[in-house]
Amino acid sequence: MTDHATPNLPARDFAATAAFYATLGFDEDYRSDGWMILSRGDATLEFFPYPDLDPYQSAFSCCLRLDDLDAMMAQVRAADVPNARVGIPRFHPPQVEDSGLTIAYLIDPDGTLLRLIQND
């Protein structure tokens, strides 16, 4: 196994979080009262309970570096996540940033920002 990191993100409700991410192709690998692990291919997200989180005040974020950003975006759109500048959840479509990277932005129902970055 190669070195890797997994983001630890908040979830107000594990069932609701798992259901949202399932629409994006994530499978539930583990759940207890205090921890949940979801994966989609080699991408792993881990969640801890944060029932009092105000998603509009959340400062949590992570990057997902993806081999096929277009496939992920197709799942985001199929899940009826709004392409919007306000509201939660929502997404902003991919664009080439000043860095030269193609990045899309996804805000999950708990207010976490996921930067979806196309691998080169």
C-alpha atoms as a PDB file:
ATOM      1  CA  MET A   1       0.000   0.000   0.000  1.00  0.00           C
ATOM      2  CA  THR A   2       1.279   3.478  -0.835  1.00  0.00           C
ATOM      3  CA  ASP A   3       1.186   6.360   1.608  1.00  0.00           C
ATOM      4  CA  HIS A   4      -2.105   8.196   1.616  1.00  0.00           C
ATOM      5  CA  ALA A   5      -4.210  10.553   3.707  1.00  0.00           C
ATOM      6  CA  THR A   6      -7.920  10.537   4.343  1.00  0.00           C
ATOM      7  CA  PRO A   7      -9.826  13.694   5.250  1.00  0.00           C
ATOM      8  CA  ASN A   8     -11.771  13.624   8.519  1.00  0.00           C
ATOM      9  CA  LEU A   9     -14.996  15.558   7.988  1.00  0.00           C
ATOM     10  CA  PRO A  10     -18.026  16.432  10.121  1.00  0.00           C
ATOM     11  CA  ALA A  11     -21.451  14.855   9.748  1.00  0.00           C
ATOM     12  CA  ARG A  12     -24.573  16.029  11.523  1.00  0.00           C
ATOM     13  CA  ASP A  13     -26.254  12.695  10.763  1.00  0.00           C
ATOM     14  CA  PHE A  14     -24.346   9.654   9.508  1.00  0.00           C
ATOM     15  CA  ALA A  15     -27.353   8.180   7.697  1.00  0.00           C
ATOM     16  CA  ALA A  16     -28.051  11.412   5.796  1.00  0.00           C
ATOM     17  CA  THR A  17     -24.362  11.884   4.970  1.00  0.00           C
ATOM     18  CA  ALA A  18     -24.020   8.286   3.748  1.00  0.00           C
ATOM     19  CA  ALA A  19     -27.153   8.685   1.604  1.00  0.00           C
ATOM     20  CA  PHE A  20     -25.859  11.900  -0.012  1.00  0.00           C
ATOM     21  CA  TYR A  21     -22.458  10.434  -0.811  1.00  0.00           C
ATOM     22  CA  ALA A  22     -24.039   7.192  -2.078  1.00  0.00           C
ATOM     23  CA  THR A  23     -25.599   9.251  -4.881  1.00  0.00           C
ATOM     24  CA  LEU A  24     -22.037  10.251  -5.803  1.00  0.00           C
ATOM     25  CA  GLY A  25     -20.833   6.649  -5.951  1.00  0.00           C
ATOM     26  CA  PHE A  26     -19.423   6.282  -2.433  1.00  0.00           C
ATOM     27  CA  ASP A  27     -19.885   3.032  -0.519  1.00  0.00           C
ATOM     28  CA  GLU A  28     -20.107   2.762   3.238  1.00  0.00           C
ATOM     29  CA  ASP A  29     -17.128   0.738   4.460  1.00  0.00           C
ATOM     30  CA  TYR A  30     -17.539   1.235   8.196  1.00  0.00           C
ATOM     31  CA  ARG A  31     -19.892   2.866  10.681  1.00  0.00           C
ATOM     32  CA  SER A  32     -20.051   3.023  14.459  1.00  0.00           C
ATOM     33  CA  ASP A  33     -21.620   5.631  16.721  1.00  0.00           C
ATOM     34  CA  GLY A  34     -18.410   7.635  16.588  1.00  0.00           C
ATOM     35  CA  TRP A  35     -16.977   7.137  13.101  1.00  0.00           C
ATOM     36  CA  MET A  36     -17.938   6.451   9.481  1.00  0.00           C
ATOM     37  CA  ILE A  37     -15.783   5.627   6.463  1.00  0.00           C
ATOM     38  CA  LEU A  38     -16.968   6.032   2.856  1.00  0.00           C
ATOM     39  CA  SER A  39     -15.037   5.179  -0.288  1.00  0.00           C
ATOM     40  CA  ARG A  40     -15.301   5.593  -4.031  1.00  0.00           C
ATOM     41  CA  GLY A  41     -12.538   3.705  -5.776  1.00  0.00           C
ATOM     42  CA  ASP A  42      -9.310   4.855  -4.134  1.00  0.00           C
ATOM     43  CA  ALA A  43     -10.925   7.979  -2.633  1.00  0.00           C
ATOM     44  CA  THR A  44     -11.741   7.623   1.075  1.00  0.00           C
ATOM     45  CA  LEU A  45     -13.604  10.070   3.295  1.00  0.00           C
ATOM     46  CA  GLU A  46     -13.902   9.603   7.043  1.00  0.00           C
ATOM     47  CA  PHE A  47     -16.592  11.289   9.130  1.00  0.00           C
ATOM     48  CA  PHE A  48     -17.003  12.105  12.800  1.00  0.00           C
ATOM     49  CA  PRO A  49     -20.281  13.086  14.472  1.00  0.00           C
ATOM     50  CA  TYR A  50     -20.935  16.811  14.788  1.00  0.00           C
ATOM     51  CA  PRO A  51     -24.698  17.043  15.414  1.00  0.00           C
ATOM     52  CA  ASP A  52     -24.658  20.755  16.344  1.00  0.00           C
ATOM     53  CA  LEU A  53     -22.735  21.900  13.260  1.00  0.00           C
ATOM     54  CA  ASP A  54     -24.222  24.896  11.466  1.00  0.00           C
ATOM     55  CA  PRO A  55     -23.462  24.073   7.812  1.00  0.00           C
ATOM     56  CA  TYR A  56     -23.550  27.766   6.892  1.00  0.00           C
ATOM     57  CA  GLN A  57     -20.725  28.434   9.378  1.00  0.00           C
ATOM     58  CA  SER A  58     -18.611  25.379   8.493  1.00  0.00           C
ATOM     59  CA  ALA A  59     -14.966  25.942   7.627  1.00  0.00           C
ATOM     60  CA  PHE A  60     -14.239  22.260   6.851  1.00  0.00           C
ATOM     61  CA  SER A  61     -12.805  21.391   3.444  1.00  0.00           C
ATOM     62  CA  CYS A  62     -10.714  18.859   1.563  1.00  0.00           C
ATOM     63  CA  CYS A  63      -9.408  18.082  -1.905  1.00  0.00           C
ATOM     64  CA  LEU A  64     -10.293  14.982  -3.895  1.00  0.00           C
ATOM     65  CA  ARG A  65      -7.855  14.382  -6.732  1.00  0.00           C
ATOM     66  CA  LEU A  66      -9.665  12.368  -9.365  1.00  0.00           C
ATOM     67  CA  ASP A  67      -8.572  10.483 -12.463  1.00  0.00           C
ATOM     68  CA  ASP A  68     -11.975  11.151 -14.069  1.00  0.00           C
ATOM     69  CA  LEU A  69     -13.446  14.460 -12.955  1.00  0.00           C
ATOM     70  CA  ASP A  70     -16.038  14.276 -15.756  1.00  0.00           C
ATOM     71  CA  ALA A  71     -17.432  11.005 -14.362  1.00  0.00           C
ATOM     72  CA  MET A  72     -17.705  12.521 -10.870  1.00  0.00           C
ATOM     73  CA  MET A  73     -19.437  15.595 -12.266  1.00  0.00           C
ATOM     74  CA  ALA A  74     -21.905  13.376 -14.118  1.00  0.00           C
ATOM     75  CA  GLN A  75     -22.780  11.760 -10.784  1.00  0.00           C
ATOM     76  CA  VAL A  76     -23.083  15.157  -9.076  1.00  0.00           C
ATOM     77  CA  ARG A  77     -25.506  16.322 -11.775  1.00  0.00           C
ATOM     78  CA  ALA A  78     -27.441  13.002 -11.733  1.00  0.00           C
ATOM     79  CA  ALA A  79     -27.834  13.422  -7.957  1.00  0.00           C
ATOM     80  CA  ASP A  80     -29.630  16.737  -8.651  1.00  0.00           C
ATOM     81  CA  VAL A  81     -27.104  18.769  -6.677  1.00  0.00           C
ATOM     82  CA  PRO A  82     -27.832  22.366  -7.712  1.00  0.00           C
ATOM     83  CA  ASN A  83     -25.326  24.336  -9.785  1.00  0.00           C
ATOM     84  CA  ALA A  84     -25.691  27.480  -7.692  1.00  0.00           C
ATOM     85  CA  ARG A  85     -23.778  30.197  -5.860  1.00  0.00           C
ATOM     86  CA  VAL A  86     -25.883  29.948  -2.679  1.00  0.00           C
ATOM     87  CA  GLY A  87     -27.539  27.147  -0.777  1.00  0.00           C
ATOM     88  CA  ILE A  88     -26.403  23.818   0.581  1.00  0.00           C
ATOM     89  CA  PRO A  89     -25.708  21.409  -1.053  1.00  0.00           C
ATOM     90  CA  ARG A  90     -24.470  22.913  -4.315  1.00  0.00           C
ATOM     91  CA  PHE A  91     -21.667  22.699  -6.857  1.00  0.00           C
ATOM     92  CA  HIS A  92     -19.682  24.961  -9.125  1.00  0.00           C
ATOM     93  CA  PRO A  93     -18.700  23.378 -12.468  1.00  0.00           C
ATOM     94  CA  PRO A  94     -15.104  22.563 -13.365  1.00  0.00           C
ATOM     95  CA  GLN A  95     -12.901  25.257 -14.761  1.00  0.00           C
ATOM     96  CA  VAL A  96      -9.221  25.700 -15.393  1.00  0.00           C
ATOM     97  CA  GLU A  97      -7.835  27.773 -12.528  1.00  0.00           C
ATOM     98  CA  ASP A  98      -4.836  30.132 -12.624  1.00  0.00           C
ATOM     99  CA  SER A  99      -2.794  27.220 -11.252  1.00  0.00           C
ATOM    100  CA  GLY A 100      -3.493  25.314 -14.480  1.00  0.00           C
ATOM    101  CA  LEU A 101      -5.531  22.720 -12.573  1.00  0.00           C
ATOM    102  CA  THR A 102      -9.102  21.875 -13.544  1.00  0.00           C
ATOM    103  CA  ILE A 103     -11.170  22.160 -10.365  1.00  0.00           C
ATOM    104  CA  ALA A 104     -14.864  21.857  -9.531  1.00  0.00           C
ATOM    105  CA  TYR A 105     -16.312  22.744  -6.139  1.00  0.00           C
ATOM    106  CA  LEU A 106     -18.908  20.781  -4.189  1.00  0.00           C
ATOM    107  CA  ILE A 107     -20.531  21.857  -0.934  1.00  0.00           C
ATOM    108  CA  ASP A 108     -22.046  18.870   0.879  1.00  0.00           C
ATOM    109  CA  PRO A 109     -25.177  19.011   3.098  1.00  0.00           C
ATOM    110  CA  ASP A 110     -22.992  19.676   6.172  1.00  0.00           C
ATOM    111  CA  GLY A 111     -21.329  22.690   4.553  1.00  0.00           C
ATOM    112  CA  THR A 112     -18.020  20.951   3.808  1.00  0.00           C
ATOM    113  CA  LEU A 113     -16.225  22.246   0.708  1.00  0.00           C
ATOM    114  CA  LEU A 114     -14.789  19.511  -1.494  1.00  0.00           C
ATOM    115  CA  ARG A 115     -12.407  20.663  -4.197  1.00  0.00           C
ATOM    116  CA  LEU A 116     -12.701  18.130  -7.020  1.00  0.00           C
ATOM    117  CA  ILE A 117      -9.407  18.248  -8.899  1.00  0.00           C
ATOM    118  CA  GLN A 118      -8.646  16.498 -12.178  1.00  0.00           C
ATOM    119  CA  ASN A 119      -5.424  14.500 -11.983  1.00  0.00           C
ATOM    120  CA  ASP A 120      -2.974  15.242 -14.773  1.00  0.00           C
END
